[in-house]
Amino acid sequence: MAHVCEVCGKGDQSGMNVSHSHLKTKRKWHPNIQRVRAVVDGETKRVNVCTRCLRSGKVQRAI
């Protein structure tokens, strides 16, 4: 599944793991993306949405 929200566009972020000895390795943070049935333009579609958009009401879930 894609790591991108179809509503807000939130995607992966990159950074570093930093050990106690201060060695650095690359890592990623993924947003919490859920595949839900939602009402888009009056019809029901499956969309990939982050939980922040679901919780804030930016997406109307289909019944």
PDB file of N, CA and C in Angstrom:
ATOM      1  N   MET A   1       0.840  -1.176   0.000  1.00  0.00           N
ATOM      2  CA  MET A   1       0.000   0.000   0.000  1.00  0.00           C
ATOM      3  C   MET A   1       0.889   1.244   0.000  1.00  0.00           C
ATOM      4  N   ALA A   2       0.418   2.283  -0.681  1.00  0.00           N
ATOM      5  CA  ALA A   2       1.170   3.527  -0.722  1.00  0.00           C
ATOM      6  C   ALA A   2       1.183   4.182   0.651  1.00  0.00           C
ATOM      7  N   HIS A   3       2.264   4.876   0.965  1.00  0.00           N
ATOM      8  CA  HIS A   3       2.395   5.562   2.242  1.00  0.00           C
ATOM      9  C   HIS A   3       2.048   7.035   2.076  1.00  0.00           C
ATOM     10  N   VAL A   4       0.976   7.343   1.309  1.00  0.00           N
ATOM     11  CA  VAL A   4       0.579   8.718   1.064  1.00  0.00           C
ATOM     12  C   VAL A   4      -0.920   8.856   1.280  1.00  0.00           C
ATOM     13  N   CYS A   5      -1.312   9.892   2.031  1.00  0.00           N
ATOM     14  CA  CYS A   5      -2.725  10.186   2.259  1.00  0.00           C
ATOM     15  C   CYS A   5      -3.285  10.879   1.020  1.00  0.00           C
ATOM     16  N   GLU A   6      -4.448  10.417   0.538  1.00  0.00           N
ATOM     17  CA  GLU A   6      -5.042  11.003  -0.658  1.00  0.00           C
ATOM     18  C   GLU A   6      -5.770  12.306  -0.355  1.00  0.00           C
ATOM     19  N   VAL A   7      -5.959  12.644   0.912  1.00  0.00           N
ATOM     20  CA  VAL A   7      -6.650  13.881   1.282  1.00  0.00           C
ATOM     21  C   VAL A   7      -5.654  15.004   1.528  1.00  0.00           C
ATOM     22  N   CYS A   8      -4.693  14.792   2.427  1.00  0.00           N
ATOM     23  CA  CYS A   8      -3.772  15.867   2.804  1.00  0.00           C
ATOM     24  C   CYS A   8      -2.394  15.730   2.166  1.00  0.00           C
ATOM     25  N   GLY A   9      -2.105  14.575   1.576  1.00  0.00           N
ATOM     26  CA  GLY A   9      -0.807  14.391   0.914  1.00  0.00           C
ATOM     27  C   GLY A   9       0.327  14.019   1.844  1.00  0.00           C
ATOM     28  N   LYS A  10      -0.011  13.712   3.098  1.00  0.00           N
ATOM     29  CA  LYS A  10       1.042  13.341   4.050  1.00  0.00           C
ATOM     30  C   LYS A  10       1.721  12.057   3.587  1.00  0.00           C
ATOM     31  N   GLY A  11       3.057  12.040   3.639  1.00  0.00           N
ATOM     32  CA  GLY A  11       3.812  10.877   3.184  1.00  0.00           C
ATOM     33  C   GLY A  11       4.948  10.541   4.129  1.00  0.00           C
ATOM     34  N   ASP A  12       5.882   9.733   3.633  1.00  0.00           N
ATOM     35  CA  ASP A  12       7.018   9.313   4.441  1.00  0.00           C
ATOM     36  C   ASP A  12       7.882  10.516   4.837  1.00  0.00           C
ATOM     37  N   GLN A  13       8.492  10.406   6.024  1.00  0.00           N
ATOM     38  CA  GLN A  13       9.501  11.363   6.442  1.00  0.00           C
ATOM     39  C   GLN A  13      10.784  10.591   6.686  1.00  0.00           C
ATOM     40  N   SER A  14      11.897  11.224   6.416  1.00  0.00           N
ATOM     41  CA  SER A  14      13.165  10.541   6.621  1.00  0.00           C
ATOM     42  C   SER A  14      13.956  11.226   7.722  1.00  0.00           C
ATOM     43  N   GLY A  15      14.861  10.459   8.303  1.00  0.00           N
ATOM     44  CA  GLY A  15      15.697  10.983   9.365  1.00  0.00           C
ATOM     45  C   GLY A  15      16.800   9.996   9.663  1.00  0.00           C
ATOM     46  N   MET A  16      17.320  10.073  10.867  1.00  0.00           N
ATOM     47  CA  MET A  16      18.435   9.225  11.256  1.00  0.00           C
ATOM     48  C   MET A  16      18.134   8.491  12.557  1.00  0.00           C
ATOM     49  N   ASN A  17      18.557   7.215  12.631  1.00  0.00           N
ATOM     50  CA  ASN A  17      18.678   6.545  13.918  1.00  0.00           C
ATOM     51  C   ASN A  17      20.003   7.011  14.504  1.00  0.00           C
ATOM     52  N   VAL A  18      19.988   7.410  15.755  1.00  0.00           N
ATOM     53  CA  VAL A  18      21.223   7.856  16.402  1.00  0.00           C
ATOM     54  C   VAL A  18      21.471   6.957  17.606  1.00  0.00           C
ATOM     55  N   SER A  19      22.579   6.230  17.575  1.00  0.00           N
ATOM     56  CA  SER A  19      22.905   5.296  18.657  1.00  0.00           C
ATOM     57  C   SER A  19      23.555   6.036  19.825  1.00  0.00           C
ATOM     58  N   HIS A  20      23.785   5.308  20.895  1.00  0.00           N
ATOM     59  CA  HIS A  20      24.430   5.889  22.077  1.00  0.00           C
ATOM     60  C   HIS A  20      25.831   6.404  21.751  1.00  0.00           C
ATOM     61  N   SER A  21      26.511   5.710  20.826  1.00  0.00           N
ATOM     62  CA  SER A  21      27.854   6.146  20.419  1.00  0.00           C
ATOM     63  C   SER A  21      27.798   7.188  19.303  1.00  0.00           C
ATOM     64  N   HIS A  22      26.603   7.666  19.010  1.00  0.00           N
ATOM     65  CA  HIS A  22      26.341   8.715  18.022  1.00  0.00           C
ATOM     66  C   HIS A  22      26.601   8.283  16.580  1.00  0.00           C
ATOM     67  N   LEU A  23      26.552   6.973  16.300  1.00  0.00           N
ATOM     68  CA  LEU A  23      26.572   6.501  14.920  1.00  0.00           C
ATOM     69  C   LEU A  23      25.191   6.745  14.326  1.00  0.00           C
ATOM     70  N   LYS A  24      25.163   7.134  13.057  1.00  0.00           N
ATOM     71  CA  LYS A  24      23.889   7.483  12.430  1.00  0.00           C
ATOM     72  C   LYS A  24      23.610   6.570  11.245  1.00  0.00           C
ATOM     73  N   THR A  25      22.365   6.081  11.161  1.00  0.00           N
ATOM     74  CA  THR A  25      21.898   5.323  10.006  1.00  0.00           C
ATOM     75  C   THR A  25      20.551   5.885   9.590  1.00  0.00           C
ATOM     76  N   LYS A  26      20.281   5.814   8.298  1.00  0.00           N
ATOM     77  CA  LYS A  26      19.041   6.381   7.781  1.00  0.00           C
ATOM     78  C   LYS A  26      17.843   5.528   8.173  1.00  0.00           C
ATOM     79  N   ARG A  27      16.692   6.190   8.364  1.00  0.00           N
ATOM     80  CA  ARG A  27      15.452   5.489   8.654  1.00  0.00           C
ATOM     81  C   ARG A  27      14.291   6.309   8.122  1.00  0.00           C
ATOM     82  N   LYS A  28      13.087   5.711   8.147  1.00  0.00           N
ATOM     83  CA  LYS A  28      11.876   6.387   7.683  1.00  0.00           C
ATOM     84  C   LYS A  28      10.785   6.285   8.730  1.00  0.00           C
ATOM     85  N   TRP A  29       9.926   7.279   8.737  1.00  0.00           N
ATOM     86  CA  TRP A  29       8.687   7.232   9.508  1.00  0.00           C
ATOM     87  C   TRP A  29       7.551   7.198   8.511  1.00  0.00           C
ATOM     88  N   HIS A  30       6.629   6.248   8.689  1.00  0.00           N
ATOM     89  CA  HIS A  30       5.475   6.126   7.812  1.00  0.00           C
ATOM     90  C   HIS A  30       4.237   6.679   8.515  1.00  0.00           C
ATOM     91  N   PRO A  31       3.379   7.424   7.805  1.00  0.00           N
ATOM     92  CA  PRO A  31       2.125   7.862   8.411  1.00  0.00           C
ATOM     93  C   PRO A  31       1.181   6.672   8.558  1.00  0.00           C
ATOM     94  N   ASN A  32       0.241   6.782   9.478  1.00  0.00           N
ATOM     95  CA  ASN A  32      -0.725   5.709   9.718  1.00  0.00           C
ATOM     96  C   ASN A  32      -1.825   5.812   8.665  1.00  0.00           C
ATOM     97  N   ILE A  33      -1.670   5.072   7.568  1.00  0.00           N
ATOM     98  CA  ILE A  33      -2.596   5.119   6.438  1.00  0.00           C
ATOM     99  C   ILE A  33      -3.578   3.959   6.529  1.00  0.00           C
ATOM    100  N   GLN A  34      -4.866   4.275   6.392  1.00  0.00           N
ATOM    101  CA  GLN A  34      -5.920   3.259   6.417  1.00  0.00           C
ATOM    102  C   GLN A  34      -6.653   3.293   5.083  1.00  0.00           C
ATOM    103  N   ARG A  35      -7.004   2.124   4.572  1.00  0.00           N
ATOM    104  CA  ARG A  35      -7.799   2.044   3.345  1.00  0.00           C
ATOM    105  C   ARG A  35      -9.262   1.952   3.762  1.00  0.00           C
ATOM    106  N   VAL A  36     -10.038   2.996   3.495  1.00  0.00           N
ATOM    107  CA  VAL A  36     -11.425   3.057   3.944  1.00  0.00           C
ATOM    108  C   VAL A  36     -12.349   3.346   2.772  1.00  0.00           C
ATOM    109  N   ARG A  37     -13.610   2.958   2.963  1.00  0.00           N
ATOM    110  CA  ARG A  37     -14.645   3.318   2.002  1.00  0.00           C
ATOM    111  C   ARG A  37     -15.172   4.678   2.405  1.00  0.00           C
ATOM    112  N   ALA A  38     -15.107   5.639   1.475  1.00  0.00           N
ATOM    113  CA  ALA A  38     -15.516   7.007   1.779  1.00  0.00           C
ATOM    114  C   ALA A  38     -16.368   7.550   0.642  1.00  0.00           C
ATOM    115  N   VAL A  39     -17.150   8.572   0.974  1.00  0.00           N
ATOM    116  CA  VAL A  39     -17.988   9.243  -0.019  1.00  0.00           C
ATOM    117  C   VAL A  39     -17.153  10.337  -0.674  1.00  0.00           C
ATOM    118  N   VAL A  40     -16.913  10.181  -1.994  1.00  0.00           N
ATOM    119  CA  VAL A  40     -16.136  11.154  -2.754  1.00  0.00           C
ATOM    120  C   VAL A  40     -16.982  11.583  -3.943  1.00  0.00           C
ATOM    121  N   ASP A  41     -17.306  12.866  -4.005  1.00  0.00           N
ATOM    122  CA  ASP A  41     -18.145  13.419  -5.082  1.00  0.00           C
ATOM    123  C   ASP A  41     -19.470  12.668  -5.205  1.00  0.00           C
ATOM    124  N   GLY A  42     -20.068  12.304  -4.083  1.00  0.00           N
ATOM    125  CA  GLY A  42     -21.382  11.661  -4.077  1.00  0.00           C
ATOM    126  C   GLY A  42     -21.379  10.167  -4.321  1.00  0.00           C
ATOM    127  N   GLU A  43     -20.233   9.569  -4.554  1.00  0.00           N
ATOM    128  CA  GLU A  43     -20.189   8.121  -4.762  1.00  0.00           C
ATOM    129  C   GLU A  43     -19.169   7.490  -3.817  1.00  0.00           C
ATOM    130  N   THR A  44     -19.372   6.221  -3.531  1.00  0.00           N
ATOM    131  CA  THR A  44     -18.508   5.500  -2.592  1.00  0.00           C
ATOM    132  C   THR A  44     -17.265   4.997  -3.312  1.00  0.00           C
ATOM    133  N   LYS A  45     -16.100   5.313  -2.723  1.00  0.00           N
ATOM    134  CA  LYS A  45     -14.822   4.859  -3.280  1.00  0.00           C
ATOM    135  C   LYS A  45     -13.932   4.396  -2.144  1.00  0.00           C
ATOM    136  N   ARG A  46     -12.962   3.557  -2.465  1.00  0.00           N
ATOM    137  CA  ARG A  46     -11.937   3.173  -1.495  1.00  0.00           C
ATOM    138  C   ARG A  46     -10.783   4.148  -1.640  1.00  0.00           C
ATOM    139  N   VAL A  47     -10.401   4.767  -0.523  1.00  0.00           N
ATOM    140  CA  VAL A  47      -9.322   5.746  -0.550  1.00  0.00           C
ATOM    141  C   VAL A  47      -8.330   5.442   0.568  1.00  0.00           C
ATOM    142  N   ASN A  48      -7.070   5.816   0.346  1.00  0.00           N
ATOM    143  CA  ASN A  48      -6.030   5.698   1.367  1.00  0.00           C
ATOM    144  C   ASN A  48      -5.967   7.018   2.112  1.00  0.00           C
ATOM    145  N   VAL A  49      -6.294   6.980   3.420  1.00  0.00           N
ATOM    146  CA  VAL A  49      -6.418   8.190   4.209  1.00  0.00           C
ATOM    147  C   VAL A  49      -5.641   8.021   5.503  1.00  0.00           C
ATOM    148  N   CYS A  50      -4.959   9.078   5.951  1.00  0.00           N
ATOM    149  CA  CYS A  50      -4.267   9.015   7.230  1.00  0.00           C
ATOM    150  C   CYS A  50      -5.290   9.139   8.363  1.00  0.00           C
ATOM    151  N   THR A  51      -4.935   8.630   9.525  1.00  0.00           N
ATOM    152  CA  THR A  51      -5.868   8.628  10.650  1.00  0.00           C
ATOM    153  C   THR A  51      -6.135  10.042  11.152  1.00  0.00           C
ATOM    154  N   ARG A  52      -5.239  10.962  10.932  1.00  0.00           N
ATOM    155  CA  ARG A  52      -5.482  12.352  11.324  1.00  0.00           C
ATOM    156  C   ARG A  52      -6.664  12.924  10.535  1.00  0.00           C
ATOM    157  N   CYS A  53      -6.733  12.641   9.235  1.00  0.00           N
ATOM    158  CA  CYS A  53      -7.848  13.125   8.411  1.00  0.00           C
ATOM    159  C   CYS A  53      -9.152  12.430   8.798  1.00  0.00           C
ATOM    160  N   LEU A  54      -9.079  11.144   9.124  1.00  0.00           N
ATOM    161  CA  LEU A  54     -10.284  10.428   9.564  1.00  0.00           C
ATOM    162  C   LEU A  54     -10.807  11.023  10.853  1.00  0.00           C
ATOM    163  N   ARG A  55      -9.920  11.263  11.800  1.00  0.00           N
ATOM    164  CA  ARG A  55     -10.317  11.735  13.117  1.00  0.00           C
ATOM    165  C   ARG A  55     -10.837  13.168  13.072  1.00  0.00           C
ATOM    166  N   SER A  56     -10.270  14.002  12.198  1.00  0.00           N
ATOM    167  CA  SER A  56     -10.666  15.403  12.157  1.00  0.00           C
ATOM    168  C   SER A  56     -11.928  15.629  11.324  1.00  0.00           C
ATOM    169  N   GLY A  57     -12.417  14.569  10.656  1.00  0.00           N
ATOM    170  CA  GLY A  57     -13.667  14.700   9.890  1.00  0.00           C
ATOM    171  C   GLY A  57     -13.497  15.223   8.482  1.00  0.00           C
ATOM    172  N   LYS A  58     -12.276  15.187   7.946  1.00  0.00           N
ATOM    173  CA  LYS A  58     -12.053  15.639   6.567  1.00  0.00           C
ATOM    174  C   LYS A  58     -12.593  14.628   5.563  1.00  0.00           C
ATOM    175  N   VAL A  59     -12.883  13.408   6.042  1.00  0.00           N
ATOM    176  CA  VAL A  59     -13.376  12.342   5.175  1.00  0.00           C
ATOM    177  C   VAL A  59     -14.697  11.838   5.745  1.00  0.00           C
ATOM    178  N   GLN A  60     -15.701  11.719   4.876  1.00  0.00           N
ATOM    179  CA  GLN A  60     -16.981  11.159   5.312  1.00  0.00           C
ATOM    180  C   GLN A  60     -16.991   9.687   4.925  1.00  0.00           C
ATOM    181  N   ARG A  61     -16.997   8.820   5.947  1.00  0.00           N
ATOM    182  CA  ARG A  61     -16.968   7.387   5.682  1.00  0.00           C
ATOM    183  C   ARG A  61     -18.308   6.914   5.162  1.00  0.00           C
ATOM    184  N   ALA A  62     -18.257   5.944   4.243  1.00  0.00           N
ATOM    185  CA  ALA A  62     -19.472   5.356   3.678  1.00  0.00           C
ATOM    186  C   ALA A  62     -19.969   4.258   4.590  1.00  0.00           C
ATOM    187  N   ILE A  63     -21.262   4.080   4.599  1.00  0.00           N
ATOM    188  CA  ILE A  63     -21.870   3.031   5.449  1.00  0.00           C
ATOM    189  C   ILE A  63     -22.059   1.754   4.656  1.00  0.00           C
TER     190      ILE A  63
END
